[in-house]
Amino acid sequence: MKKFLYSNKKAMPRPAYRQAGGRQGMTIVELLIVIAIISIITLISLPTLFKRRSQNDLINTTEQIVSILREARTRSVSQSSSTNWGVRLGNPTTTSPFYALYARDYGSTTTIGYYKLPPTLVYATSNIPSGSYLDITFSQISGDASASTSVTIYVGGNSLNSSTISVASSGAVSF
């Protein structure tokens, strides 16, 4: 049964937001409760979102470095540009850590690709000390690596959240 307001002898349906006492809208207490609930949900979800982003950065960067190492090995084996190929993993103090694909010797004219680590990631200083770099080159035809080595990447220096890339002397790359 619908309730009607009678004014000027016209029947009008009562609006849903209008209460019987004539009040409209929400009280300040109700608004504060809604704001508090939204704030609590936001505070709970933000750390999870940041952690997820850092984890995705770690996975994607690890896969990209492994892919570039494998590309350098493939180019060396196929004698692309009639030279050996390598990857430089740099941990400079004045700029962001990086990794780069290069032919023959590392330099601005021989670098094919240059990539910075995302700001959430760092190299383990036990592998690549601050202010230095690590070159991994592959010999032509055999694809043997210049050295057997491992490189660890951390999320913000957190050793519990890391990924290690290994390069065998045979040139095999794994993570």
Protein backbone atom coordinates (compact mmCIF):
# COMPACT_ATOMS: atom_id res chain seq x y z
CA MET A 1 0.00 0.00 0.00
CA LYS A 2 1.45 3.36 -1.04
CA LYS A 3 1.40 6.34 1.23
CA PHE A 4 0.33 9.63 -0.27
CA LEU A 5 0.85 13.21 0.77
CA TYR A 6 -2.27 15.30 0.47
CA SER A 7 -1.80 18.86 -0.57
CA ASN A 8 -4.08 20.83 -2.79
CA LYS A 9 -6.20 17.74 -3.15
CA LYS A 10 -3.56 16.01 -5.35
CA ALA A 11 -2.20 12.63 -4.40
CA MET A 12 1.60 12.46 -4.65
CA PRO A 13 3.74 9.44 -3.78
CA ARG A 14 6.12 9.99 -0.88
CA PRO A 15 9.81 10.08 -2.08
CA ALA A 16 11.92 7.15 -0.85
CA TYR A 17 14.58 9.40 0.72
CA ARG A 18 12.05 11.25 2.81
CA GLN A 19 11.42 9.82 6.24
CA ALA A 20 8.17 10.02 8.11
CA GLY A 21 9.52 12.72 10.45
CA GLY A 22 10.33 15.03 7.53
CA ARG A 23 14.14 14.58 7.72
CA GLN A 24 16.16 14.16 4.54
CA GLY A 25 19.56 12.58 3.78
CA MET A 26 22.11 11.08 6.15
CA THR A 27 23.32 12.21 9.54
CA ILE A 28 26.92 13.27 10.18
CA VAL A 29 27.45 10.11 12.27
CA GLU A 30 26.42 7.92 9.36
CA LEU A 31 28.79 9.78 7.04
CA LEU A 32 31.66 9.39 9.52
CA ILE A 33 31.00 5.66 9.80
CA VAL A 34 31.11 5.28 6.00
CA ILE A 35 34.34 7.32 5.79
CA ALA A 36 35.90 5.21 8.57
CA ILE A 37 35.00 1.95 6.79
CA ILE A 38 36.45 3.20 3.49
CA SER A 39 39.63 4.33 5.27
CA ILE A 40 40.11 0.96 6.95
CA ILE A 41 39.65 -0.92 3.67
CA THR A 42 42.14 1.41 1.96
CA LEU A 43 44.75 1.00 4.70
CA ILE A 44 44.46 -2.77 4.50
CA SER A 45 44.68 -2.97 0.69
CA LEU A 46 47.49 -0.46 -0.07
CA PRO A 47 50.40 -2.52 1.32
CA THR A 48 49.15 -5.54 -0.60
CA LEU A 49 49.06 -3.55 -3.83
CA PHE A 50 52.62 -2.22 -3.32
CA LYS A 51 53.91 -5.69 -2.47
CA ARG A 52 52.26 -7.11 -5.59
CA ARG A 53 53.86 -4.41 -7.76
CA SER A 54 57.32 -5.07 -6.33
CA GLN A 55 56.92 -8.82 -6.84
CA ASN A 56 55.81 -8.26 -10.45
CA ASP A 57 58.83 -5.98 -11.03
CA LEU A 58 61.13 -8.72 -9.70
CA ILE A 59 59.62 -11.45 -11.86
CA ASN A 60 59.49 -9.35 -15.04
CA THR A 61 63.03 -7.96 -14.64
CA THR A 62 64.49 -11.40 -13.90
CA GLU A 63 62.83 -12.83 -17.00
CA GLN A 64 64.03 -9.91 -19.12
CA ILE A 65 67.67 -10.21 -17.93
CA VAL A 66 67.59 -13.97 -18.57
CA SER A 67 66.15 -13.32 -22.04
CA ILE A 68 68.89 -10.78 -22.84
CA LEU A 69 71.61 -13.16 -21.60
CA ARG A 70 70.20 -15.90 -23.83
CA GLU A 71 69.99 -13.47 -26.75
CA ALA A 72 73.66 -12.54 -26.28
CA ARG A 73 74.60 -16.22 -26.26
CA THR A 74 72.50 -16.93 -29.38
CA ARG A 75 74.06 -14.00 -31.25
CA SER A 76 77.55 -15.21 -30.31
CA VAL A 77 76.87 -18.79 -31.40
CA SER A 78 75.41 -17.61 -34.73
CA GLN A 79 78.37 -15.23 -35.14
CA SER A 80 76.06 -12.26 -35.61
CA SER A 81 78.19 -9.26 -36.68
CA SER A 82 81.18 -11.65 -36.63
CA THR A 83 81.89 -10.93 -32.97
CA ASN A 84 81.17 -12.12 -29.46
CA TRP A 85 78.25 -10.65 -27.51
CA GLY A 86 77.80 -9.81 -23.87
CA VAL A 87 75.63 -8.31 -21.16
CA ARG A 88 76.79 -5.69 -18.67
CA LEU A 89 75.10 -5.60 -15.28
CA GLY A 90 75.95 -2.22 -13.76
CA ASN A 91 75.53 -1.01 -10.19
CA PRO A 92 76.71 2.63 -10.39
CA THR A 93 76.52 4.97 -7.41
CA THR A 94 75.35 8.07 -9.32
CA THR A 95 72.65 6.57 -11.57
CA SER A 96 70.16 3.71 -11.46
CA PRO A 97 71.36 0.10 -11.69
CA PHE A 98 71.09 -1.19 -15.26
CA TYR A 99 71.72 -4.07 -17.66
CA ALA A 100 72.78 -3.74 -21.28
CA LEU A 101 73.26 -5.95 -24.34
CA TYR A 102 76.39 -5.18 -26.34
CA ALA A 103 78.59 -6.45 -29.17
CA ARG A 104 82.38 -6.92 -28.85
CA ASP A 105 83.21 -4.43 -26.04
CA TYR A 106 80.82 -2.40 -23.93
CA GLY A 107 80.53 1.16 -25.22
CA SER A 108 78.00 3.67 -26.49
CA THR A 109 78.46 2.62 -30.12
CA THR A 110 78.28 -1.13 -29.46
CA THR A 111 75.37 -1.16 -27.00
CA ILE A 112 72.24 -2.59 -28.59
CA GLY A 113 69.87 -2.31 -25.62
CA TYR A 114 70.13 -0.42 -22.32
CA TYR A 115 67.61 -1.05 -19.52
CA LYS A 116 67.33 0.38 -16.01
CA LEU A 117 66.22 -1.71 -13.06
CA PRO A 118 62.85 -0.60 -11.69
CA PRO A 119 63.24 1.67 -8.63
CA THR A 120 61.96 -1.09 -6.34
CA LEU A 121 64.86 -3.45 -7.22
CA VAL A 122 68.60 -3.56 -6.41
CA TYR A 123 71.49 -5.88 -7.21
CA ALA A 124 73.02 -7.80 -4.33
CA THR A 125 76.26 -6.02 -3.50
CA SER A 126 77.90 -9.39 -2.86
CA ASN A 127 77.51 -10.07 -6.63
CA ILE A 128 77.99 -6.57 -8.02
CA PRO A 129 79.51 -4.16 -5.48
CA SER A 130 78.20 -0.61 -5.45
CA GLY A 131 80.02 1.49 -8.04
CA SER A 132 81.06 -1.46 -10.21
CA TYR A 133 79.73 -3.71 -12.95
CA LEU A 134 79.78 -7.32 -14.13
CA ASP A 135 80.34 -8.21 -17.79
CA ILE A 136 79.18 -11.60 -19.00
CA THR A 137 80.38 -12.36 -22.53
CA PHE A 138 79.81 -15.42 -24.69
CA SER A 139 82.35 -16.84 -27.13
CA GLN A 140 81.56 -17.33 -30.79
CA ILE A 141 80.45 -20.74 -32.03
CA SER A 142 80.59 -22.55 -28.65
CA GLY A 143 78.59 -19.96 -26.66
CA ASP A 144 80.70 -20.56 -23.57
CA ALA A 145 80.39 -17.84 -20.93
CA SER A 146 83.40 -15.78 -19.86
CA ALA A 147 82.84 -17.02 -16.31
CA SER A 148 80.43 -19.06 -14.28
CA THR A 149 78.52 -16.60 -12.09
CA SER A 150 75.31 -15.83 -10.26
CA VAL A 151 73.54 -12.52 -9.80
CA THR A 152 70.90 -11.88 -7.15
CA ILE A 153 68.27 -9.16 -7.40
CA TYR A 154 66.41 -8.00 -4.29
CA VAL A 155 63.20 -6.10 -3.77
CA GLY A 156 64.30 -2.98 -1.92
CA GLY A 157 67.19 -4.79 -0.28
CA ASN A 158 64.89 -7.40 1.28
CA SER A 159 66.86 -10.64 1.09
CA LEU A 160 63.69 -12.68 1.65
CA ASN A 161 62.19 -11.41 -1.60
CA SER A 162 64.84 -12.07 -4.23
CA SER A 163 65.64 -13.84 -7.47
CA THR A 164 68.95 -15.38 -8.52
CA ILE A 165 70.13 -15.71 -12.12
CA SER A 166 72.87 -18.27 -12.79
CA VAL A 167 75.17 -18.45 -15.80
CA ALA A 168 77.18 -21.67 -16.20
CA SER A 169 80.58 -21.74 -17.87
CA SER A 170 78.89 -23.64 -20.73
CA GLY A 171 76.71 -20.56 -21.31
CA ALA A 172 73.52 -22.07 -19.94
CA VAL A 173 71.36 -19.43 -18.22
CA SER A 174 68.82 -20.28 -15.52
CA PHE A 175 66.84 -18.68 -12.71
